[in-house]
């Protein structure tokens, strides 16, 4: 990302992206902070539990090279942290150190608004580069493949994607 002077980011500005049904905007990129951290708003669309017996799709994964934090601004989220599932809501904060298994599912009837940070920065670039609102659309596993390669991540839902 380009280095900008993002000491003030007015409402509605930043770098917008869509991630399937979810959307967000990068408020401060790793390029803005010399790689120290990045911060983005992320809105997780409602995905109420179905009537089937299938477990919620948390998308369990881990990043060995970054720490991630989540602050819930509105809504309720079911959050997988290690082996435990916790319910988090407005004002709740979750810190995910490097190497910790995590994921989340919005099983509610409404969107969940989050502030998400990455330490060090750079991970936010993937949301912009692989955004689903571009033409042509990105490769189906492009985000996951780049994440595994650049941030030493692993995805339980995609064991075929390995770092190189």
N, C-alpha and C. Protein backbone atom coordinates (compact mmCIF):
# COMPACT_ATOMS: atom_id res chain seq x y z
N UNK A 1 0.83 -1.18 0.00
CA UNK A 1 0.00 0.00 0.00
C UNK A 1 0.86 1.23 0.00
N UNK A 2 0.30 2.29 -0.50
CA UNK A 2 1.03 3.55 -0.53
C UNK A 2 1.08 4.16 0.86
N UNK A 3 2.20 4.78 1.15
CA UNK A 3 2.34 5.47 2.44
C UNK A 3 1.61 6.80 2.35
N UNK A 4 0.72 7.04 3.28
CA UNK A 4 -0.05 8.28 3.35
C UNK A 4 0.09 8.85 4.75
N UNK A 5 -0.30 10.09 4.90
CA UNK A 5 -0.31 10.72 6.22
C UNK A 5 -1.71 10.54 6.78
N UNK A 6 -2.00 9.37 7.37
CA UNK A 6 -3.33 9.05 7.88
C UNK A 6 -3.41 9.31 9.37
N UNK A 7 -3.18 10.54 9.77
CA UNK A 7 -3.36 10.87 11.17
C UNK A 7 -4.81 11.21 11.47
N UNK A 8 -5.57 11.54 10.44
CA UNK A 8 -7.01 11.77 10.57
C UNK A 8 -7.69 11.10 9.39
N UNK A 9 -8.60 10.19 9.67
CA UNK A 9 -9.34 9.48 8.63
C UNK A 9 -10.82 9.80 8.85
N UNK A 10 -11.36 10.72 8.04
CA UNK A 10 -12.78 11.08 8.21
C UNK A 10 -13.72 9.90 7.96
N UNK A 11 -14.88 9.95 8.59
CA UNK A 11 -15.90 8.92 8.38
C UNK A 11 -16.15 8.76 6.89
N UNK A 12 -16.25 7.52 6.45
CA UNK A 12 -16.53 7.24 5.05
C UNK A 12 -15.29 7.23 4.16
N UNK A 13 -14.13 7.59 4.70
CA UNK A 13 -12.91 7.54 3.89
C UNK A 13 -12.11 6.30 4.27
N UNK A 14 -10.87 6.26 3.90
CA UNK A 14 -10.08 5.05 4.06
C UNK A 14 -10.09 4.27 2.76
N UNK A 15 -9.62 3.06 2.79
CA UNK A 15 -9.56 2.22 1.58
C UNK A 15 -10.64 1.15 1.70
N UNK A 16 -11.74 1.31 0.95
CA UNK A 16 -12.86 0.36 1.08
C UNK A 16 -12.59 -0.97 0.37
N UNK A 17 -13.24 -2.02 0.84
CA UNK A 17 -13.15 -3.33 0.19
C UNK A 17 -14.40 -4.13 0.52
N UNK A 18 -14.67 -5.13 -0.30
CA UNK A 18 -15.71 -6.12 -0.03
C UNK A 18 -15.04 -7.48 0.01
N UNK A 19 -15.53 -8.33 0.89
CA UNK A 19 -15.01 -9.67 1.07
C UNK A 19 -16.22 -10.60 1.07
N UNK A 20 -16.72 -10.92 -0.12
CA UNK A 20 -17.98 -11.67 -0.21
C UNK A 20 -19.10 -10.81 0.32
N UNK A 21 -19.87 -11.33 1.27
CA UNK A 21 -20.96 -10.57 1.88
C UNK A 21 -20.47 -9.56 2.91
N UNK A 22 -19.22 -9.69 3.33
CA UNK A 22 -18.65 -8.79 4.32
C UNK A 22 -18.01 -7.59 3.62
N UNK A 23 -17.75 -6.54 4.40
CA UNK A 23 -17.13 -5.35 3.81
C UNK A 23 -16.33 -4.63 4.87
N UNK A 24 -15.51 -3.71 4.44
CA UNK A 24 -14.72 -2.96 5.40
C UNK A 24 -14.00 -1.81 4.75
N UNK A 25 -13.14 -1.19 5.55
CA UNK A 25 -12.27 -0.14 5.05
C UNK A 25 -11.01 -0.12 5.90
N UNK A 26 -9.88 0.00 5.22
CA UNK A 26 -8.61 0.12 5.90
C UNK A 26 -8.48 1.55 6.37
N UNK A 27 -8.28 1.72 7.68
CA UNK A 27 -8.13 3.05 8.26
C UNK A 27 -6.67 3.49 8.27
N UNK A 28 -5.79 2.59 8.66
CA UNK A 28 -4.36 2.85 8.72
C UNK A 28 -3.66 1.58 8.21
N UNK A 29 -2.82 1.72 7.21
CA UNK A 29 -2.13 0.56 6.66
C UNK A 29 -0.75 0.39 7.29
N UNK A 30 -0.18 -0.77 7.10
CA UNK A 30 1.18 -0.99 7.56
C UNK A 30 2.15 -0.02 6.91
N UNK A 31 1.86 0.38 5.67
CA UNK A 31 2.70 1.36 5.00
C UNK A 31 2.66 2.72 5.67
N UNK A 32 1.54 3.03 6.31
CA UNK A 32 1.40 4.30 7.03
C UNK A 32 2.20 4.32 8.33
N UNK A 33 2.43 3.14 8.91
CA UNK A 33 3.03 3.06 10.25
C UNK A 33 4.44 2.47 10.23
N UNK A 34 5.04 2.41 9.06
CA UNK A 34 6.37 1.80 8.97
C UNK A 34 6.33 0.31 9.28
N UNK A 35 5.15 -0.31 9.06
CA UNK A 35 5.00 -1.74 9.27
C UNK A 35 4.66 -2.13 10.70
N UNK A 36 4.55 -1.18 11.61
CA UNK A 36 4.31 -1.52 13.02
C UNK A 36 2.94 -2.13 13.26
N UNK A 37 1.90 -1.60 12.62
CA UNK A 37 0.54 -2.12 12.80
C UNK A 37 -0.33 -1.61 11.67
N UNK A 38 -1.55 -2.15 11.59
CA UNK A 38 -2.58 -1.63 10.70
C UNK A 38 -3.92 -1.77 11.43
N UNK A 39 -4.90 -1.00 10.97
CA UNK A 39 -6.21 -0.99 11.60
C UNK A 39 -7.27 -0.88 10.52
N UNK A 40 -8.33 -1.67 10.67
CA UNK A 40 -9.43 -1.59 9.71
C UNK A 40 -10.76 -1.80 10.40
N UNK A 41 -11.79 -1.24 9.80
CA UNK A 41 -13.17 -1.56 10.18
C UNK A 41 -13.56 -2.76 9.36
N UNK A 42 -14.30 -3.66 9.97
CA UNK A 42 -14.75 -4.86 9.26
C UNK A 42 -16.18 -5.13 9.69
N UNK A 43 -17.07 -5.27 8.72
CA UNK A 43 -18.48 -5.53 8.99
C UNK A 43 -18.78 -6.95 8.51
N UNK A 44 -19.13 -7.82 9.47
CA UNK A 44 -19.42 -9.22 9.17
C UNK A 44 -20.92 -9.35 8.97
N UNK A 45 -21.32 -9.76 7.77
CA UNK A 45 -22.73 -9.91 7.44
C UNK A 45 -23.38 -11.01 8.28
N UNK A 46 -24.68 -10.89 8.50
CA UNK A 46 -25.43 -11.90 9.25
C UNK A 46 -25.43 -13.21 8.48
N UNK A 47 -25.20 -14.28 9.20
CA UNK A 47 -25.27 -15.63 8.65
C UNK A 47 -25.94 -16.51 9.69
N UNK A 48 -27.24 -16.32 9.89
CA UNK A 48 -27.94 -17.08 10.94
C UNK A 48 -27.76 -18.58 10.74
N UNK A 49 -27.74 -19.30 11.86
CA UNK A 49 -27.58 -20.75 11.82
C UNK A 49 -28.72 -21.36 11.02
N UNK A 50 -28.39 -22.36 10.23
CA UNK A 50 -29.41 -23.05 9.45
C UNK A 50 -30.09 -24.10 10.31
N UNK A 51 -31.10 -24.72 9.75
CA UNK A 51 -31.83 -25.77 10.45
C UNK A 51 -31.08 -27.10 10.43
N UNK A 52 -29.99 -27.16 9.67
CA UNK A 52 -29.25 -28.42 9.58
C UNK A 52 -28.45 -28.66 10.86
N UNK A 53 -27.91 -29.84 10.96
CA UNK A 53 -27.09 -30.20 12.12
C UNK A 53 -25.62 -29.82 11.92
N UNK A 54 -25.32 -29.15 10.81
CA UNK A 54 -23.94 -28.78 10.53
C UNK A 54 -23.45 -27.76 11.55
N UNK A 55 -22.21 -27.90 12.00
CA UNK A 55 -21.67 -26.92 12.96
C UNK A 55 -21.44 -25.58 12.26
N UNK A 56 -21.37 -24.50 13.03
CA UNK A 56 -21.10 -23.19 12.43
C UNK A 56 -19.76 -23.18 11.70
N UNK A 57 -19.67 -22.40 10.65
CA UNK A 57 -18.44 -22.29 9.86
C UNK A 57 -17.58 -21.17 10.44
N UNK A 58 -16.68 -21.52 11.37
CA UNK A 58 -15.81 -20.54 12.00
C UNK A 58 -14.59 -20.19 11.14
N UNK A 59 -14.27 -21.03 10.17
CA UNK A 59 -13.06 -20.79 9.38
C UNK A 59 -11.81 -20.85 10.23
N UNK A 60 -11.62 -21.91 11.03
CA UNK A 60 -10.48 -21.96 11.94
C UNK A 60 -9.14 -21.86 11.21
N UNK A 61 -8.27 -21.01 11.76
CA UNK A 61 -6.96 -20.79 11.17
C UNK A 61 -6.03 -20.21 12.23
N UNK A 62 -4.78 -20.04 11.86
CA UNK A 62 -3.79 -19.41 12.73
C UNK A 62 -2.78 -18.67 11.85
N UNK A 63 -2.15 -17.67 12.44
CA UNK A 63 -1.09 -16.91 11.78
C UNK A 63 0.12 -16.96 12.71
N UNK A 64 1.19 -17.56 12.27
CA UNK A 64 2.36 -17.65 13.14
C UNK A 64 3.17 -16.36 13.19
N UNK A 65 2.98 -15.48 12.20
CA UNK A 65 3.82 -14.29 12.11
C UNK A 65 3.13 -12.98 12.46
N UNK A 66 1.86 -13.00 12.83
CA UNK A 66 1.18 -11.76 13.20
C UNK A 66 0.28 -11.97 14.42
N UNK A 67 0.04 -10.87 15.11
CA UNK A 67 -0.95 -10.83 16.19
C UNK A 67 -2.14 -10.05 15.63
N UNK A 68 -3.33 -10.46 16.05
CA UNK A 68 -4.56 -9.84 15.56
C UNK A 68 -5.42 -9.47 16.76
N UNK A 69 -6.10 -8.33 16.69
CA UNK A 69 -7.02 -7.95 17.76
C UNK A 69 -8.37 -7.61 17.15
N UNK A 70 -9.42 -7.82 17.95
CA UNK A 70 -10.79 -7.56 17.53
C UNK A 70 -11.51 -6.80 18.63
N UNK A 71 -12.14 -5.69 18.28
CA UNK A 71 -12.98 -4.94 19.19
C UNK A 71 -14.37 -4.86 18.57
N UNK A 72 -15.37 -5.36 19.28
CA UNK A 72 -16.74 -5.34 18.76
C UNK A 72 -17.34 -3.96 19.02
N UNK A 73 -17.79 -3.32 17.95
CA UNK A 73 -18.44 -2.01 18.08
C UNK A 73 -19.95 -2.16 18.18
N UNK A 74 -20.50 -3.13 17.43
CA UNK A 74 -21.94 -3.42 17.52
C UNK A 74 -22.19 -4.84 17.04
N UNK A 75 -23.27 -5.44 17.56
CA UNK A 75 -23.65 -6.79 17.19
C UNK A 75 -23.02 -7.83 18.11
N UNK A 76 -23.31 -9.09 17.80
CA UNK A 76 -22.79 -10.21 18.59
C UNK A 76 -22.14 -11.21 17.65
N UNK A 77 -21.01 -11.76 18.09
CA UNK A 77 -20.23 -12.66 17.27
C UNK A 77 -19.86 -13.89 18.08
N UNK A 78 -19.91 -15.05 17.46
CA UNK A 78 -19.45 -16.29 18.06
C UNK A 78 -17.99 -16.44 17.64
N UNK A 79 -17.07 -16.45 18.61
CA UNK A 79 -15.64 -16.38 18.33
C UNK A 79 -14.95 -17.65 18.82
N UNK A 80 -14.20 -18.27 17.94
CA UNK A 80 -13.40 -19.46 18.26
C UNK A 80 -12.01 -19.00 18.67
N UNK A 81 -11.60 -19.36 19.89
CA UNK A 81 -10.28 -18.98 20.41
C UNK A 81 -9.67 -20.23 21.02
N UNK A 82 -8.61 -20.73 20.39
CA UNK A 82 -8.05 -22.05 20.71
C UNK A 82 -9.15 -23.09 20.49
N UNK A 83 -9.55 -23.80 21.54
CA UNK A 83 -10.62 -24.81 21.42
C UNK A 83 -11.96 -24.31 21.92
N UNK A 84 -11.97 -23.13 22.54
CA UNK A 84 -13.20 -22.61 23.15
C UNK A 84 -13.95 -21.70 22.18
N UNK A 85 -15.27 -21.68 22.31
CA UNK A 85 -16.11 -20.74 21.58
C UNK A 85 -16.68 -19.77 22.61
N UNK A 86 -16.46 -18.49 22.38
CA UNK A 86 -16.97 -17.46 23.28
C UNK A 86 -17.91 -16.55 22.50
N UNK A 87 -18.88 -16.02 23.17
CA UNK A 87 -19.79 -15.06 22.56
C UNK A 87 -19.31 -13.67 22.95
N UNK A 88 -19.11 -12.81 21.95
CA UNK A 88 -18.64 -11.46 22.23
C UNK A 88 -19.62 -10.44 21.66
N UNK A 89 -19.69 -9.30 22.33
CA UNK A 89 -20.62 -8.24 21.94
C UNK A 89 -19.99 -6.88 22.10
N UNK A 90 -20.79 -5.83 21.97
CA UNK A 90 -20.29 -4.46 22.00
C UNK A 90 -19.37 -4.18 23.18
N UNK A 91 -18.19 -3.66 22.87
CA UNK A 91 -17.20 -3.34 23.87
C UNK A 91 -16.25 -4.46 24.21
N UNK A 92 -16.57 -5.69 23.79
CA UNK A 92 -15.68 -6.83 24.06
C UNK A 92 -14.46 -6.76 23.14
N UNK A 93 -13.33 -7.20 23.68
CA UNK A 93 -12.05 -7.16 22.98
C UNK A 93 -11.43 -8.55 23.02
N UNK A 94 -10.87 -8.99 21.89
CA UNK A 94 -10.18 -10.28 21.83
C UNK A 94 -8.79 -10.03 21.23
N UNK A 95 -7.78 -10.56 21.91
CA UNK A 95 -6.40 -10.50 21.42
C UNK A 95 -5.99 -11.91 21.01
N UNK A 96 -5.51 -12.05 19.78
CA UNK A 96 -5.08 -13.35 19.26
C UNK A 96 -3.57 -13.28 19.00
N UNK A 97 -2.77 -13.80 19.94
CA UNK A 97 -1.31 -13.81 19.73
C UNK A 97 -0.93 -14.70 18.55
N UNK A 98 0.29 -14.53 18.03
CA UNK A 98 0.75 -15.39 16.93
C UNK A 98 0.62 -16.87 17.30
N UNK A 99 0.20 -17.66 16.31
CA UNK A 99 0.11 -19.11 16.48
C UNK A 99 -1.15 -19.61 17.15
N UNK A 100 -2.06 -18.73 17.57
CA UNK A 100 -3.27 -19.16 18.26
C UNK A 100 -4.39 -19.43 17.24
N UNK A 101 -5.00 -20.58 17.36
CA UNK A 101 -6.14 -20.97 16.51
C UNK A 101 -7.32 -20.06 16.81
N UNK A 102 -7.94 -19.55 15.75
CA UNK A 102 -9.09 -18.67 15.94
C UNK A 102 -9.95 -18.65 14.68
N UNK A 103 -11.12 -18.06 14.81
CA UNK A 103 -12.07 -17.88 13.72
C UNK A 103 -13.34 -17.32 14.32
N UNK A 104 -14.30 -17.01 13.48
CA UNK A 104 -15.55 -16.46 14.01
C UNK A 104 -16.70 -16.76 13.08
N UNK A 105 -17.91 -16.64 13.62
CA UNK A 105 -19.13 -16.82 12.84
C UNK A 105 -20.17 -15.85 13.37
N UNK A 106 -20.80 -15.14 12.47
CA UNK A 106 -21.90 -14.27 12.86
C UNK A 106 -23.18 -15.07 12.70
N UNK A 107 -23.69 -15.57 13.80
CA UNK A 107 -24.90 -16.40 13.78
C UNK A 107 -26.14 -15.58 14.11
N UNK A 108 -25.97 -14.28 14.20
CA UNK A 108 -27.07 -13.40 14.59
C UNK A 108 -27.90 -12.98 13.38
N UNK A 109 -28.89 -12.21 13.64
CA UNK A 109 -29.78 -11.71 12.59
C UNK A 109 -29.28 -10.41 11.97
N UNK A 110 -28.23 -9.80 12.56
CA UNK A 110 -27.74 -8.52 12.07
C UNK A 110 -26.24 -8.52 11.86
N UNK A 111 -25.77 -7.48 11.19
CA UNK A 111 -24.34 -7.33 10.93
C UNK A 111 -23.58 -7.07 12.23
N UNK A 112 -22.31 -7.42 12.26
CA UNK A 112 -21.43 -7.16 13.39
C UNK A 112 -20.33 -6.23 12.91
N UNK A 113 -20.16 -5.11 13.63
CA UNK A 113 -19.13 -4.14 13.28
C UNK A 113 -17.94 -4.31 14.20
N UNK A 114 -16.76 -4.46 13.60
CA UNK A 114 -15.52 -4.70 14.34
C UNK A 114 -14.47 -3.66 13.98
N UNK A 115 -13.55 -3.41 14.91
CA UNK A 115 -12.26 -2.79 14.61
C UNK A 115 -11.25 -3.92 14.73
N UNK A 116 -10.46 -4.12 13.69
CA UNK A 116 -9.49 -5.21 13.65
C UNK A 116 -8.11 -4.62 13.42
N UNK A 117 -7.15 -5.05 14.24
CA UNK A 117 -5.78 -4.58 14.04
C UNK A 117 -4.86 -5.77 13.79
N UNK A 118 -3.77 -5.50 13.09
CA UNK A 118 -2.75 -6.50 12.78
C UNK A 118 -1.40 -5.94 13.21
N UNK A 119 -0.61 -6.80 13.88
CA UNK A 119 0.71 -6.40 14.39
C UNK A 119 1.70 -7.49 14.02
N UNK A 120 2.68 -7.26 13.16
CA UNK A 120 2.91 -6.02 12.43
C UNK A 120 1.88 -5.82 11.33
N UNK A 121 1.92 -4.65 10.73
CA UNK A 121 1.00 -4.33 9.64
C UNK A 121 1.38 -5.03 8.36
N UNK A 122 0.51 -4.96 7.39
CA UNK A 122 0.73 -5.56 6.08
C UNK A 122 -0.36 -6.55 5.72
N UNK A 123 -0.94 -7.20 6.71
CA UNK A 123 -1.98 -8.20 6.46
C UNK A 123 -3.21 -7.57 5.81
N UNK A 124 -3.51 -6.32 6.16
CA UNK A 124 -4.68 -5.62 5.62
C UNK A 124 -4.62 -5.50 4.09
N UNK A 125 -3.41 -5.54 3.53
CA UNK A 125 -3.24 -5.44 2.08
C UNK A 125 -3.99 -6.55 1.35
N UNK A 126 -4.08 -7.72 1.97
CA UNK A 126 -4.75 -8.85 1.34
C UNK A 126 -6.23 -8.57 1.11
N UNK A 127 -6.88 -7.88 2.05
CA UNK A 127 -8.30 -7.57 1.91
C UNK A 127 -8.54 -6.65 0.72
N UNK A 128 -7.60 -5.77 0.45
CA UNK A 128 -7.73 -4.85 -0.67
C UNK A 128 -7.35 -5.55 -1.98
N UNK A 129 -6.24 -6.27 -1.98
CA UNK A 129 -5.76 -6.94 -3.19
C UNK A 129 -6.72 -8.03 -3.67
N UNK A 130 -7.35 -8.73 -2.73
CA UNK A 130 -8.23 -9.86 -3.09
C UNK A 130 -9.70 -9.52 -2.88
N UNK A 131 -10.03 -8.27 -2.92
CA UNK A 131 -11.41 -7.83 -2.68
C UNK A 131 -12.34 -8.42 -3.74
N UNK A 132 -13.54 -8.78 -3.31
CA UNK A 132 -14.48 -9.45 -4.20
C UNK A 132 -15.24 -8.47 -5.08
N UNK A 133 -15.11 -7.17 -4.86
CA UNK A 133 -15.85 -6.18 -5.64
C UNK A 133 -15.00 -5.61 -6.78
N UNK A 134 -14.08 -6.42 -7.32
CA UNK A 134 -13.27 -5.98 -8.44
C UNK A 134 -13.55 -6.85 -9.65
N UNK A 135 -13.17 -6.35 -10.81
CA UNK A 135 -13.37 -7.09 -12.04
C UNK A 135 -12.03 -7.13 -12.79
N UNK A 136 -11.56 -8.31 -13.15
CA UNK A 136 -12.14 -9.61 -12.85
C UNK A 136 -11.99 -9.96 -11.37
N UNK A 137 -12.85 -10.86 -10.90
CA UNK A 137 -12.76 -11.25 -9.49
C UNK A 137 -11.44 -11.97 -9.21
N UNK A 138 -10.99 -11.94 -7.97
CA UNK A 138 -9.74 -12.63 -7.62
C UNK A 138 -9.90 -14.14 -7.69
N UNK A 139 -8.77 -14.82 -7.74
CA UNK A 139 -8.79 -16.29 -7.72
C UNK A 139 -9.45 -16.77 -6.43
N UNK A 140 -10.23 -17.85 -6.49
CA UNK A 140 -10.97 -18.31 -5.31
C UNK A 140 -10.13 -18.50 -4.05
N UNK A 141 -8.95 -19.04 -4.17
CA UNK A 141 -8.10 -19.26 -2.99
C UNK A 141 -6.91 -18.31 -2.95
N UNK A 142 -6.95 -17.25 -3.74
CA UNK A 142 -5.83 -16.31 -3.79
C UNK A 142 -5.50 -15.69 -2.45
N UNK A 143 -6.53 -15.27 -1.70
CA UNK A 143 -6.33 -14.68 -0.38
C UNK A 143 -5.63 -15.67 0.54
N UNK A 144 -6.17 -16.88 0.60
CA UNK A 144 -5.64 -17.92 1.48
C UNK A 144 -4.20 -18.27 1.08
N UNK A 145 -3.95 -18.43 -0.22
CA UNK A 145 -2.60 -18.79 -0.67
C UNK A 145 -1.58 -17.72 -0.31
N UNK A 146 -1.95 -16.45 -0.50
CA UNK A 146 -1.02 -15.37 -0.16
C UNK A 146 -0.83 -15.27 1.34
N UNK A 147 -1.89 -15.46 2.09
CA UNK A 147 -1.81 -15.41 3.55
C UNK A 147 -0.88 -16.50 4.10
N UNK A 148 -0.99 -17.69 3.56
CA UNK A 148 -0.14 -18.80 3.98
C UNK A 148 1.31 -18.48 3.65
N UNK A 149 1.56 -17.98 2.45
CA UNK A 149 2.92 -17.69 2.00
C UNK A 149 3.56 -16.53 2.76
N UNK A 150 2.83 -15.42 2.92
CA UNK A 150 3.42 -14.20 3.49
C UNK A 150 3.39 -14.15 5.01
N UNK A 151 2.40 -14.80 5.64
CA UNK A 151 2.21 -14.63 7.08
C UNK A 151 2.26 -15.95 7.85
N UNK A 152 2.77 -17.00 7.18
CA UNK A 152 2.96 -18.29 7.84
C UNK A 152 1.66 -18.72 8.54
N UNK A 153 0.57 -18.71 7.77
CA UNK A 153 -0.75 -19.07 8.28
C UNK A 153 -1.12 -20.49 7.87
N UNK A 154 -2.09 -21.05 8.55
CA UNK A 154 -2.61 -22.37 8.21
C UNK A 154 -4.12 -22.35 8.40
N UNK A 155 -4.84 -22.99 7.47
CA UNK A 155 -6.30 -23.03 7.49
C UNK A 155 -6.78 -24.47 7.57
N UNK A 156 -7.58 -24.76 8.58
CA UNK A 156 -8.12 -26.11 8.72
C UNK A 156 -9.07 -26.46 7.58
N UNK A 157 -9.76 -25.45 7.02
CA UNK A 157 -10.69 -25.68 5.92
C UNK A 157 -9.97 -25.86 4.58
N UNK A 158 -8.68 -25.54 4.52
CA UNK A 158 -7.91 -25.63 3.28
C UNK A 158 -6.54 -26.24 3.55
N UNK A 159 -6.50 -27.50 4.01
CA UNK A 159 -5.20 -28.11 4.33
C UNK A 159 -4.31 -28.29 3.10
N UNK A 160 -4.92 -28.23 1.91
CA UNK A 160 -4.14 -28.40 0.69
C UNK A 160 -3.26 -27.20 0.39
N UNK A 161 -3.55 -26.05 1.01
CA UNK A 161 -2.75 -24.85 0.79
C UNK A 161 -1.67 -24.81 1.85
N UNK A 162 -0.43 -24.95 1.39
CA UNK A 162 0.70 -24.99 2.32
C UNK A 162 1.72 -23.93 1.95
N UNK A 163 2.43 -23.46 2.95
CA UNK A 163 3.49 -22.47 2.74
C UNK A 163 4.66 -23.09 1.99
N UNK A 164 5.45 -22.23 1.38
CA UNK A 164 6.52 -22.76 0.59
C UNK A 164 7.82 -22.21 1.01
